[in-house]
Amino acid sequence: MCGQAMMMRPLRFFTIPSVKCVCIYISYSHCSHRNSPSDFLGVCLHHHLDEETIASTCVTLLVAGHETTTNLIGNGLYALLQRPCQYHTLCANLDLLPTAIEEFLRFDAPVQLTGRVAQAEIIWQDAVILPGQLATFFLGSANHDPAQFNKPNELNIIRYPNPHMAFGHGIHYCIGSTLARMEAEIAFATLLKRLVGLQLSNKPIHWAKNVGFRGLEALPVLFQSVLPA
């Protein structure tokens, strides 16, 4: 999908309520963080970054580092609990977690699309993308390409190889991919080991209304008991 690229105006960006809250927090945090150059805000201030740059960076970190990982865990667990056979297989062999997490990323990726602005004319099959146009790439669709994946619409926790596009590709490959995988492994290992008899409840599931990010508003589950850590 192509269109004319339009950059969000700084003024519009900084009127978003959540962004305004971050800006207010940063303003009140200047003094304390200037004396703590080892933490994130302290480092930013030490390098004389302005408040707008720091605020936009903080928002990016919150969205990219929190919402996507949260949705990976929620989407993956939802898909797994819908398939009791694979759930029990994974519980019995947690060594399968790395391949299972790659499959969760492919099957129902937390980021469904991404955009790029063309720097030069690009001809792809019958489409022509002109310089300055925004091209939107549907990662979720690529992750279900039957030319790349056998039975792409089926969850397979032992799928290998798994060349999914959940983290993008090339120079824009997700810088937090290693952290996301590590967090997901810890979360799933903890849930599967400690929550006995984990299953979906009969409450309705609602997906968050967001075009780019795919995630549940909540994931109601039932379990029999909690084992000690």
C-alpha atoms as a PDB file:
ATOM      1  CA  MET A   1       0.000   0.000   0.000  1.00  0.00           C
ATOM      2  CA  CYS A   2       1.435   3.377  -0.990  1.00  0.00           C
ATOM      3  CA  GLY A   3       0.640   6.967  -0.136  1.00  0.00           C
ATOM      4  CA  GLN A   4       2.210  10.375   0.306  1.00  0.00           C
ATOM      5  CA  ALA A   5       4.417  10.546   3.388  1.00  0.00           C
ATOM      6  CA  MET A   6       3.392  13.136   5.958  1.00  0.00           C
ATOM      7  CA  MET A   7       5.513  13.742   9.030  1.00  0.00           C
ATOM      8  CA  MET A   8       3.600  14.369  12.251  1.00  0.00           C
ATOM      9  CA  ARG A   9       4.091  18.003  13.212  1.00  0.00           C
ATOM     10  CA  PRO A  10       5.993  18.435  16.480  1.00  0.00           C
ATOM     11  CA  LEU A  11       3.204  20.607  17.915  1.00  0.00           C
ATOM     12  CA  ARG A  12       0.606  17.922  17.252  1.00  0.00           C
ATOM     13  CA  PHE A  13       2.854  15.218  18.708  1.00  0.00           C
ATOM     14  CA  PHE A  14       3.348  17.090  21.962  1.00  0.00           C
ATOM     15  CA  THR A  15      -0.391  17.703  22.478  1.00  0.00           C
ATOM     16  CA  ILE A  16      -1.100  13.969  22.853  1.00  0.00           C
ATOM     17  CA  PRO A  17      -2.125  13.583  26.547  1.00  0.00           C
ATOM     18  CA  SER A  18       0.258  10.727  27.330  1.00  0.00           C
ATOM     19  CA  VAL A  19       3.154  12.575  25.690  1.00  0.00           C
ATOM     20  CA  LYS A  20       2.306  15.697  27.695  1.00  0.00           C
ATOM     21  CA  CYS A  21       2.553  13.608  30.878  1.00  0.00           C
ATOM     22  CA  VAL A  22       6.028  12.414  29.868  1.00  0.00           C
ATOM     23  CA  CYS A  23       7.098  16.008  29.161  1.00  0.00           C
ATOM     24  CA  ILE A  24       5.825  17.159  32.556  1.00  0.00           C
ATOM     25  CA  TYR A  25       7.652  14.297  34.275  1.00  0.00           C
ATOM     26  CA  ILE A  26      10.889  15.169  32.473  1.00  0.00           C
ATOM     27  CA  SER A  27      10.553  18.839  33.405  1.00  0.00           C
ATOM     28  CA  TYR A  28      10.168  18.003  37.090  1.00  0.00           C
ATOM     29  CA  SER A  29      12.971  15.427  36.915  1.00  0.00           C
ATOM     30  CA  HIS A  30      15.673  17.702  35.518  1.00  0.00           C
ATOM     31  CA  CYS A  31      17.323  18.610  38.814  1.00  0.00           C
ATOM     32  CA  SER A  32      17.443  15.123  40.333  1.00  0.00           C
ATOM     33  CA  HIS A  33      18.598  13.410  37.144  1.00  0.00           C
ATOM     34  CA  ARG A  34      21.321  15.945  36.412  1.00  0.00           C
ATOM     35  CA  ASN A  35      22.984  14.612  39.555  1.00  0.00           C
ATOM     36  CA  SER A  36      22.537  10.982  38.411  1.00  0.00           C
ATOM     37  CA  PRO A  37      24.432  10.776  35.098  1.00  0.00           C
ATOM     38  CA  SER A  38      24.385   6.970  35.151  1.00  0.00           C
ATOM     39  CA  ASP A  39      20.618   6.590  34.617  1.00  0.00           C
ATOM     40  CA  PHE A  40      18.827   7.060  31.296  1.00  0.00           C
ATOM     41  CA  LEU A  41      17.488  10.580  31.796  1.00  0.00           C
ATOM     42  CA  GLY A  42      20.768  11.640  33.365  1.00  0.00           C
ATOM     43  CA  VAL A  43      22.711  10.466  30.310  1.00  0.00           C
ATOM     44  CA  CYS A  44      20.310  12.305  27.970  1.00  0.00           C
ATOM     45  CA  LEU A  45      20.637  15.513  29.970  1.00  0.00           C
ATOM     46  CA  HIS A  46      24.404  15.129  30.192  1.00  0.00           C
ATOM     47  CA  HIS A  47      24.532  15.094  26.380  1.00  0.00           C
ATOM     48  CA  HIS A  48      22.468  18.311  26.293  1.00  0.00           C
ATOM     49  CA  LEU A  49      19.467  16.808  24.500  1.00  0.00           C
ATOM     50  CA  ASP A  50      16.437  19.088  24.528  1.00  0.00           C
ATOM     51  CA  GLU A  51      13.196  18.160  26.287  1.00  0.00           C
ATOM     52  CA  GLU A  52      11.321  17.388  23.052  1.00  0.00           C
ATOM     53  CA  THR A  53      13.999  14.923  21.917  1.00  0.00           C
ATOM     54  CA  ILE A  54      14.099  13.235  25.326  1.00  0.00           C
ATOM     55  CA  ALA A  55      10.284  13.041  25.496  1.00  0.00           C
ATOM     56  CA  SER A  56       9.954  11.486  22.031  1.00  0.00           C
ATOM     57  CA  THR A  57      12.709   8.990  22.889  1.00  0.00           C
ATOM     58  CA  CYS A  58      10.964   8.035  26.133  1.00  0.00           C
ATOM     59  CA  VAL A  59       7.649   7.507  24.330  1.00  0.00           C
ATOM     60  CA  THR A  60       9.385   5.308  21.749  1.00  0.00           C
ATOM     61  CA  LEU A  61      10.995   3.243  24.498  1.00  0.00           C
ATOM     62  CA  LEU A  62       7.671   2.825  26.298  1.00  0.00           C
ATOM     63  CA  VAL A  63       5.813   1.716  23.171  1.00  0.00           C
ATOM     64  CA  ALA A  64       8.549  -0.377  21.560  1.00  0.00           C
ATOM     65  CA  GLY A  65       9.866  -1.844  24.794  1.00  0.00           C
ATOM     66  CA  HIS A  66       6.637  -2.440  26.683  1.00  0.00           C
ATOM     67  CA  GLU A  67       3.521  -2.707  24.536  1.00  0.00           C
ATOM     68  CA  THR A  68       5.032  -5.005  21.913  1.00  0.00           C
ATOM     69  CA  THR A  69       6.479  -7.441  24.468  1.00  0.00           C
ATOM     70  CA  THR A  70       3.236  -7.416  26.453  1.00  0.00           C
ATOM     71  CA  ASN A  71       1.305  -8.265  23.297  1.00  0.00           C
ATOM     72  CA  LEU A  72       3.783 -10.987  22.339  1.00  0.00           C
ATOM     73  CA  ILE A  73       3.164 -12.705  25.677  1.00  0.00           C
ATOM     74  CA  GLY A  74      -0.606 -12.188  25.569  1.00  0.00           C
ATOM     75  CA  ASN A  75      -1.073 -13.201  21.924  1.00  0.00           C
ATOM     76  CA  GLY A  76       1.222 -16.197  22.306  1.00  0.00           C
ATOM     77  CA  LEU A  77      -0.454 -17.476  25.457  1.00  0.00           C
ATOM     78  CA  TYR A  78      -3.902 -17.021  23.934  1.00  0.00           C
ATOM     79  CA  ALA A  79      -2.907 -19.018  20.843  1.00  0.00           C
ATOM     80  CA  LEU A  80      -1.265 -21.708  22.981  1.00  0.00           C
ATOM     81  CA  LEU A  81      -4.201 -22.168  25.380  1.00  0.00           C
ATOM     82  CA  GLN A  82      -6.548 -22.592  22.421  1.00  0.00           C
ATOM     83  CA  ARG A  83      -4.512 -25.690  21.533  1.00  0.00           C
ATOM     84  CA  PRO A  84      -4.323 -27.871  24.683  1.00  0.00           C
ATOM     85  CA  CYS A  85      -2.208 -30.529  22.942  1.00  0.00           C
ATOM     86  CA  GLN A  86       0.590 -28.066  22.195  1.00  0.00           C
ATOM     87  CA  TYR A  87       0.187 -26.461  25.622  1.00  0.00           C
ATOM     88  CA  HIS A  88       0.796 -29.801  27.363  1.00  0.00           C
ATOM     89  CA  THR A  89       3.704 -30.579  25.025  1.00  0.00           C
ATOM     90  CA  LEU A  90       5.378 -27.287  25.912  1.00  0.00           C
ATOM     91  CA  CYS A  91       4.719 -27.716  29.646  1.00  0.00           C
ATOM     92  CA  ALA A  92       6.390 -31.130  29.506  1.00  0.00           C
ATOM     93  CA  ASN A  93       9.409 -29.830  27.599  1.00  0.00           C
ATOM     94  CA  LEU A  94      10.338 -26.210  28.275  1.00  0.00           C
ATOM     95  CA  ASP A  95      13.419 -26.664  26.083  1.00  0.00           C
ATOM     96  CA  LEU A  96      10.996 -26.046  23.213  1.00  0.00           C
ATOM     97  CA  LEU A  97      10.398 -22.478  24.390  1.00  0.00           C
ATOM     98  CA  PRO A  98      12.815 -20.795  21.934  1.00  0.00           C
ATOM     99  CA  THR A  99      11.115 -22.323  18.880  1.00  0.00           C
ATOM    100  CA  ALA A 100       7.673 -21.808  20.431  1.00  0.00           C
ATOM    101  CA  ILE A 101       8.334 -18.098  20.933  1.00  0.00           C
ATOM    102  CA  GLU A 102       9.488 -17.728  17.322  1.00  0.00           C
ATOM    103  CA  GLU A 103       6.217 -19.343  16.299  1.00  0.00           C
ATOM    104  CA  PHE A 104       4.195 -17.011  18.528  1.00  0.00           C
ATOM    105  CA  LEU A 105       5.980 -14.099  16.851  1.00  0.00           C
ATOM    106  CA  ARG A 106       5.105 -15.448  13.413  1.00  0.00           C
ATOM    107  CA  PHE A 107       1.581 -16.661  14.101  1.00  0.00           C
ATOM    108  CA  ASP A 108       0.167 -13.510  15.695  1.00  0.00           C
ATOM    109  CA  ALA A 109       2.844 -10.820  15.672  1.00  0.00           C
ATOM    110  CA  PRO A 110       2.470  -7.859  18.058  1.00  0.00           C
ATOM    111  CA  VAL A 111       3.416  -5.503  15.203  1.00  0.00           C
ATOM    112  CA  GLN A 112       1.321  -6.131  12.105  1.00  0.00           C
ATOM    113  CA  LEU A 113       2.602  -3.455   9.751  1.00  0.00           C
ATOM    114  CA  THR A 114       5.420  -0.998   9.247  1.00  0.00           C
ATOM    115  CA  GLY A 115       6.028   1.941   6.940  1.00  0.00           C
ATOM    116  CA  ARG A 116       8.981   3.144   4.894  1.00  0.00           C
ATOM    117  CA  VAL A 117       9.477   6.327   2.861  1.00  0.00           C
ATOM    118  CA  ALA A 118      10.947   5.641  -0.578  1.00  0.00           C
ATOM    119  CA  GLN A 119      14.222   7.454  -1.244  1.00  0.00           C
ATOM    120  CA  ALA A 120      14.185   6.556  -4.935  1.00  0.00           C
ATOM    121  CA  GLU A 121      11.753   5.125  -7.468  1.00  0.00           C
ATOM    122  CA  ILE A 122      11.027   1.463  -6.801  1.00  0.00           C
ATOM    123  CA  ILE A 123       9.303  -0.867  -9.248  1.00  0.00           C
ATOM    124  CA  TRP A 124       7.886  -4.013  -7.694  1.00  0.00           C
ATOM    125  CA  GLN A 125       5.942  -6.238 -10.093  1.00  0.00           C
ATOM    126  CA  ASP A 126       3.129  -3.961 -11.360  1.00  0.00           C
ATOM    127  CA  ALA A 127       3.523  -1.318  -8.639  1.00  0.00           C
ATOM    128  CA  VAL A 128       5.598   1.853  -8.899  1.00  0.00           C
ATOM    129  CA  ILE A 129       6.623   3.578  -5.657  1.00  0.00           C
ATOM    130  CA  LEU A 130       7.776   7.143  -6.223  1.00  0.00           C
ATOM    131  CA  PRO A 131      10.384   9.017  -4.151  1.00  0.00           C
ATOM    132  CA  GLY A 132       8.778  10.491  -1.036  1.00  0.00           C
ATOM    133  CA  GLN A 133       5.871   8.065  -1.044  1.00  0.00           C
ATOM    134  CA  LEU A 134       5.086   6.030   2.049  1.00  0.00           C
ATOM    135  CA  ALA A 135       4.956   2.283   1.501  1.00  0.00           C
ATOM    136  CA  THR A 136       3.156   0.223   4.141  1.00  0.00           C
ATOM    137  CA  PHE A 137       4.287  -3.371   4.558  1.00  0.00           C
ATOM    138  CA  PHE A 138       1.966  -5.881   6.187  1.00  0.00           C
ATOM    139  CA  LEU A 139       4.249  -8.057   8.310  1.00  0.00           C
ATOM    140  CA  GLY A 140       1.354 -10.179   9.530  1.00  0.00           C
ATOM    141  CA  SER A 141       0.519 -11.122   5.950  1.00  0.00           C
ATOM    142  CA  ALA A 142       4.151 -11.964   5.153  1.00  0.00           C
ATOM    143  CA  ASN A 143       4.243 -14.203   8.223  1.00  0.00           C
ATOM    144  CA  HIS A 144       1.416 -16.287   6.748  1.00  0.00           C
ATOM    145  CA  ASP A 145       2.849 -16.584   3.241  1.00  0.00           C
ATOM    146  CA  PRO A 146       2.229 -20.174   2.037  1.00  0.00           C
ATOM    147  CA  ALA A 147       5.276 -19.877  -0.224  1.00  0.00           C
ATOM    148  CA  GLN A 148       7.452 -19.532   2.890  1.00  0.00           C
ATOM    149  CA  PHE A 149       5.604 -21.504   5.562  1.00  0.00           C
ATOM    150  CA  ASN A 150       4.045 -24.946   5.474  1.00  0.00           C
ATOM    151  CA  LYS A 151       0.438 -24.714   6.726  1.00  0.00           C
ATOM    152  CA  PRO A 152       0.918 -21.043   7.677  1.00  0.00           C
ATOM    153  CA  ASN A 153      -2.439 -20.698   9.438  1.00  0.00           C
ATOM    154  CA  GLU A 154      -1.624 -23.467  11.901  1.00  0.00           C
ATOM    155  CA  LEU A 155       0.329 -22.900  15.114  1.00  0.00           C
ATOM    156  CA  ASN A 156       3.314 -25.247  15.314  1.00  0.00           C
ATOM    157  CA  ILE A 157       5.567 -24.717  18.341  1.00  0.00           C
ATOM    158  CA  ILE A 158       8.326 -26.847  16.804  1.00  0.00           C
ATOM    159  CA  ARG A 159       8.296 -25.087  13.426  1.00  0.00           C
ATOM    160  CA  TYR A 160      11.812 -24.838  12.001  1.00  0.00           C
ATOM    161  CA  PRO A 161      13.131 -22.973  10.140  1.00  0.00           C
ATOM    162  CA  ASN A 162      10.933 -19.984  10.873  1.00  0.00           C
ATOM    163  CA  PRO A 163      11.983 -16.946   8.786  1.00  0.00           C
ATOM    164  CA  HIS A 164       9.241 -14.669  10.136  1.00  0.00           C
ATOM    165  CA  MET A 165       9.237 -10.888   9.750  1.00  0.00           C
ATOM    166  CA  ALA A 166       7.993  -9.971  13.237  1.00  0.00           C
ATOM    167  CA  PHE A 167      11.154  -7.972  13.969  1.00  0.00           C
ATOM    168  CA  GLY A 168      11.525  -6.553  10.468  1.00  0.00           C
ATOM    169  CA  HIS A 169      14.617  -7.047   8.342  1.00  0.00           C
ATOM    170  CA  GLY A 170      17.859  -5.374   7.316  1.00  0.00           C
ATOM    171  CA  ILE A 171      19.133  -2.122   8.793  1.00  0.00           C
ATOM    172  CA  HIS A 172      15.780  -1.483  10.500  1.00  0.00           C
ATOM    173  CA  TYR A 173      15.701  -4.875  12.239  1.00  0.00           C
ATOM    174  CA  CYS A 174      14.288  -4.413  15.744  1.00  0.00           C
ATOM    175  CA  ILE A 175      17.068  -3.318  18.084  1.00  0.00           C
ATOM    176  CA  GLY A 176      15.204  -4.852  21.041  1.00  0.00           C
ATOM    177  CA  SER A 177      14.657  -8.315  19.522  1.00  0.00           C
ATOM    178  CA  THR A 178      17.091 -10.087  21.861  1.00  0.00           C
ATOM    179  CA  LEU A 179      15.529  -8.467  24.925  1.00  0.00           C
ATOM    180  CA  ALA A 180      12.000  -9.307  23.719  1.00  0.00           C
ATOM    181  CA  ARG A 181      12.911 -12.962  23.226  1.00  0.00           C
ATOM    182  CA  MET A 182      14.546 -13.126  26.654  1.00  0.00           C
ATOM    183  CA  GLU A 183      11.565 -11.492  28.389  1.00  0.00           C
ATOM    184  CA  ALA A 184       9.138 -13.814  26.597  1.00  0.00           C
ATOM    185  CA  GLU A 185      11.128 -16.917  27.590  1.00  0.00           C
ATOM    186  CA  ILE A 186      11.170 -15.839  31.242  1.00  0.00           C
ATOM    187  CA  ALA A 187       7.446 -15.007  31.221  1.00  0.00           C
ATOM    188  CA  PHE A 188       6.338 -18.234  29.543  1.00  0.00           C
ATOM    189  CA  ALA A 189       8.631 -20.412  31.660  1.00  0.00           C
ATOM    190  CA  THR A 190       7.220 -18.831  34.822  1.00  0.00           C
ATOM    191  CA  LEU A 191       3.588 -19.111  33.729  1.00  0.00           C
ATOM    192  CA  LEU A 192       3.862 -22.706  32.535  1.00  0.00           C
ATOM    193  CA  LYS A 193       5.812 -23.911  35.573  1.00  0.00           C
ATOM    194  CA  ARG A 194       3.884 -22.149  38.316  1.00  0.00           C
ATOM    195  CA  LEU A 195       0.252 -21.984  37.173  1.00  0.00           C
ATOM    196  CA  VAL A 196      -1.180 -25.492  37.427  1.00  0.00           C
ATOM    197  CA  GLY A 197      -4.087 -26.310  35.115  1.00  0.00           C
ATOM    198  CA  LEU A 198      -3.844 -23.049  33.189  1.00  0.00           C
ATOM    199  CA  GLN A 199      -6.710 -22.578  30.738  1.00  0.00           C
ATOM    200  CA  LEU A 200      -8.817 -19.904  29.107  1.00  0.00           C
ATOM    201  CA  SER A 201     -11.879 -18.733  30.992  1.00  0.00           C
ATOM    202  CA  ASN A 202     -15.265 -18.493  29.289  1.00  0.00           C
ATOM    203  CA  LYS A 203     -15.205 -14.689  29.363  1.00  0.00           C
ATOM    204  CA  PRO A 204     -15.257 -12.952  25.956  1.00  0.00           C
ATOM    205  CA  ILE A 205     -11.991 -11.805  24.417  1.00  0.00           C
ATOM    206  CA  HIS A 206     -11.625  -8.263  23.087  1.00  0.00           C
ATOM    207  CA  TRP A 207      -8.805  -7.080  20.861  1.00  0.00           C
ATOM    208  CA  ALA A 208      -7.396  -3.587  21.310  1.00  0.00           C
ATOM    209  CA  LYS A 209      -8.531  -1.196  18.576  1.00  0.00           C
ATOM    210  CA  ASN A 210      -5.148  -0.469  17.033  1.00  0.00           C
ATOM    211  CA  VAL A 211      -4.190  -0.871  13.392  1.00  0.00           C
ATOM    212  CA  GLY A 212      -0.431  -1.284  13.804  1.00  0.00           C
ATOM    213  CA  PHE A 213      -0.167  -3.060  17.142  1.00  0.00           C
ATOM    214  CA  ARG A 214      -2.120  -6.253  17.728  1.00  0.00           C
ATOM    215  CA  GLY A 215      -2.908  -7.214  21.286  1.00  0.00           C
ATOM    216  CA  LEU A 216      -5.655  -8.177  23.696  1.00  0.00           C
ATOM    217  CA  GLU A 217      -7.298  -5.725  26.067  1.00  0.00           C
ATOM    218  CA  ALA A 218      -7.151  -8.518  28.652  1.00  0.00           C
ATOM    219  CA  LEU A 219      -6.635 -12.290  28.755  1.00  0.00           C
ATOM    220  CA  PRO A 220      -8.920 -13.896  31.377  1.00  0.00           C
ATOM    221  CA  VAL A 221      -7.584 -17.314  32.449  1.00  0.00           C
ATOM    222  CA  LEU A 222      -8.278 -19.960  35.079  1.00  0.00           C
ATOM    223  CA  PHE A 223      -5.808 -22.118  37.009  1.00  0.00           C
ATOM    224  CA  GLN A 224      -6.025 -24.624  39.844  1.00  0.00           C
ATOM    225  CA  SER A 225      -3.085 -23.552  41.992  1.00  0.00           C
ATOM    226  CA  VAL A 226       0.188 -21.614  42.056  1.00  0.00           C
ATOM    227  CA  LEU A 227       3.422 -23.474  42.695  1.00  0.00           C
ATOM    228  CA  PRO A 228       6.191 -21.720  44.656  1.00  0.00           C
ATOM    229  CA  ALA A 229       8.946 -20.028  42.685  1.00  0.00           C
END
